[in-house]
Amino acid sequence: MSTANLTKSPFTTTAGKLITLDVANKLIEGHKTGKKILTVVDSYYFDKDQIQNLLDQYGAAGIRIHFGVDDEGNQKLIIFPASENGINIFVKNEEGFDTGLDFGLPCPPICGHGDPTGN
C-alpha cells in the first residue's frame, strides 16, 4: 500500500491552547469596540480534550464563548467554563495564571472535507 496520499490531518487533539486573561480581555475588547475584521472565519475547530478540560473545572456547568478580534484583524473565539449562574471560571495554566481557550483551527483555511454544512 502506498503512503504517498496519506497526510497528517490538522484535526488533532492539540487544536486550541490556553491564553492569559490579559490577552483574552484584549481580544474581547477588540470585538466590543468594533475593531475592523480583515479575515472572516466561518468556523473554528477545538479538540475534545481542550473542551473537556474546561468542562472539568470545579463549578463548571457549561462553556461561554466570547467573540474577539486581534491586532491583525483576525476573528477569534475565546472560550471559558461558566458556572450555573453564568459566571466565567478562569482555568489556571502551568504558571498559575488565569486563562481562557483560544487558537482553534480556523476555517478557512483549515476546513474538513465532507462537512454537511458545505464548509
Protein backbone atom coordinates (compact mmCIF):
# COMPACT_ATOMS: atom_id res chain seq x y z
CA MET A 1 0.00 0.00 0.00
CA SER A 2 1.35 3.37 -0.99
CA THR A 3 1.54 6.10 1.64
CA ALA A 4 2.01 8.86 -0.94
CA ASN A 5 -1.54 10.20 -0.47
CA LEU A 6 -1.60 9.88 3.32
CA THR A 7 -1.11 13.19 5.04
CA LYS A 8 -1.39 14.04 8.68
CA SER A 9 -4.74 15.60 9.48
CA PRO A 10 -4.67 19.03 11.13
CA PHE A 11 -7.69 17.94 13.20
CA THR A 12 -5.74 16.61 16.13
CA THR A 13 -6.03 16.53 19.89
CA THR A 14 -3.85 19.62 20.16
CA ALA A 15 -6.11 22.20 18.47
CA GLY A 16 -6.54 25.10 20.86
CA LYS A 17 -4.39 26.44 23.66
CA LEU A 18 -4.80 28.48 26.81
CA ILE A 19 -4.13 32.21 26.68
CA THR A 20 -3.70 34.62 29.58
CA LEU A 21 -6.65 36.59 30.85
CA ASP A 22 -4.93 39.82 29.74
CA VAL A 23 -4.72 38.56 26.16
CA ALA A 24 -8.31 37.26 26.30
CA ASN A 25 -9.60 40.61 27.53
CA LYS A 26 -7.71 42.47 24.79
CA LEU A 27 -9.23 40.22 22.09
CA ILE A 28 -12.74 40.57 23.54
CA GLU A 29 -12.32 44.34 23.79
CA GLY A 30 -11.30 44.40 20.11
CA HIS A 31 -14.68 42.88 19.25
CA LYS A 32 -16.67 45.12 21.61
CA THR A 33 -15.11 48.31 20.24
CA GLY A 34 -15.78 47.31 16.64
CA LYS A 35 -12.20 46.69 15.54
CA LYS A 36 -12.28 46.03 11.80
CA ILE A 37 -12.31 42.34 10.88
CA LEU A 38 -9.95 41.73 7.97
CA THR A 39 -10.04 37.92 7.96
CA VAL A 40 -13.51 36.38 8.10
CA VAL A 41 -13.72 32.91 9.63
CA ASP A 42 -16.69 30.57 9.11
CA SER A 43 -15.90 28.20 11.96
CA TYR A 44 -13.28 27.01 14.44
CA TYR A 45 -12.25 23.50 15.46
CA PHE A 46 -11.18 22.80 19.06
CA ASP A 47 -10.23 19.31 20.13
CA LYS A 48 -12.34 17.45 22.67
CA ASP A 49 -9.60 17.29 25.30
CA GLN A 50 -9.35 21.08 25.37
CA ILE A 51 -13.14 21.44 25.71
CA GLN A 52 -13.31 18.64 28.30
CA ASN A 53 -10.60 20.38 30.34
CA LEU A 54 -12.85 23.44 30.52
CA LEU A 55 -15.91 21.39 31.47
CA ASP A 56 -13.92 19.55 34.16
CA GLN A 57 -13.16 22.76 36.04
CA TYR A 58 -14.70 22.95 39.52
CA GLY A 59 -18.14 24.59 39.32
CA ALA A 60 -18.41 24.43 35.51
CA ALA A 61 -21.95 23.90 34.23
CA GLY A 62 -21.13 24.71 30.60
CA ILE A 63 -18.97 26.97 28.45
CA ARG A 64 -19.22 30.60 27.37
CA ILE A 65 -17.82 31.64 24.00
CA HIS A 66 -16.69 35.24 23.55
CA PHE A 67 -16.01 36.86 20.20
CA GLY A 68 -12.72 38.65 19.74
CA VAL A 69 -10.60 40.47 17.17
CA ASP A 70 -6.80 40.58 17.29
CA ASP A 71 -4.47 43.38 16.19
CA GLU A 72 -4.21 41.87 12.68
CA GLY A 73 -8.00 41.91 12.22
CA ASN A 74 -8.46 38.14 12.67
CA GLN A 75 -11.73 36.93 14.19
CA LYS A 76 -11.15 34.94 17.37
CA LEU A 77 -13.17 32.80 19.76
CA ILE A 78 -12.24 32.81 23.43
CA ILE A 79 -13.84 30.06 25.50
CA PHE A 80 -14.25 29.90 29.27
CA PRO A 81 -16.01 27.41 31.50
CA ALA A 82 -19.05 29.03 33.10
CA SER A 83 -20.93 28.36 36.32
CA GLU A 84 -24.65 27.64 36.58
CA ASN A 85 -25.00 31.37 37.38
CA GLY A 86 -23.34 32.31 34.09
CA ILE A 87 -20.10 33.48 35.68
CA ASN A 88 -16.85 32.76 33.81
CA ILE A 89 -14.47 30.38 35.57
CA PHE A 90 -10.81 31.02 34.89
CA VAL A 91 -8.57 28.00 34.26
CA LYS A 92 -5.10 28.14 35.81
CA ASN A 93 -2.22 27.39 33.44
CA GLU A 94 1.10 25.80 34.46
CA GLU A 95 2.39 29.17 35.69
CA GLY A 96 -0.74 29.76 37.78
CA PHE A 97 -2.22 32.49 35.58
CA ASP A 98 -5.94 32.75 34.81
CA THR A 99 -6.63 31.76 31.23
CA GLY A 100 -9.20 31.15 28.53
CA LEU A 101 -9.08 28.87 25.48
CA ASP A 102 -8.14 30.25 22.06
CA PHE A 103 -6.20 29.16 18.95
CA GLY A 104 -8.68 26.73 17.49
CA LEU A 105 -8.17 25.84 13.84
CA PRO A 106 -9.92 28.45 11.66
CA CYS A 107 -11.94 27.56 8.56
CA PRO A 108 -10.90 28.89 6.14
CA PRO A 109 -8.14 27.96 5.61
CA ILE A 110 -8.28 24.69 7.59
CA CYS A 111 -11.62 23.10 6.70
CA GLY A 112 -12.76 19.49 6.88
CA HIS A 113 -13.83 17.57 3.81
CA GLY A 114 -17.38 16.33 3.51
CA ASP A 115 -18.74 18.79 6.09
CA PRO A 116 -22.57 18.59 5.83
CA THR A 117 -22.78 22.39 6.17
CA GLY A 118 -20.85 22.76 2.93
CA ASN A 119 -17.72 24.22 4.54
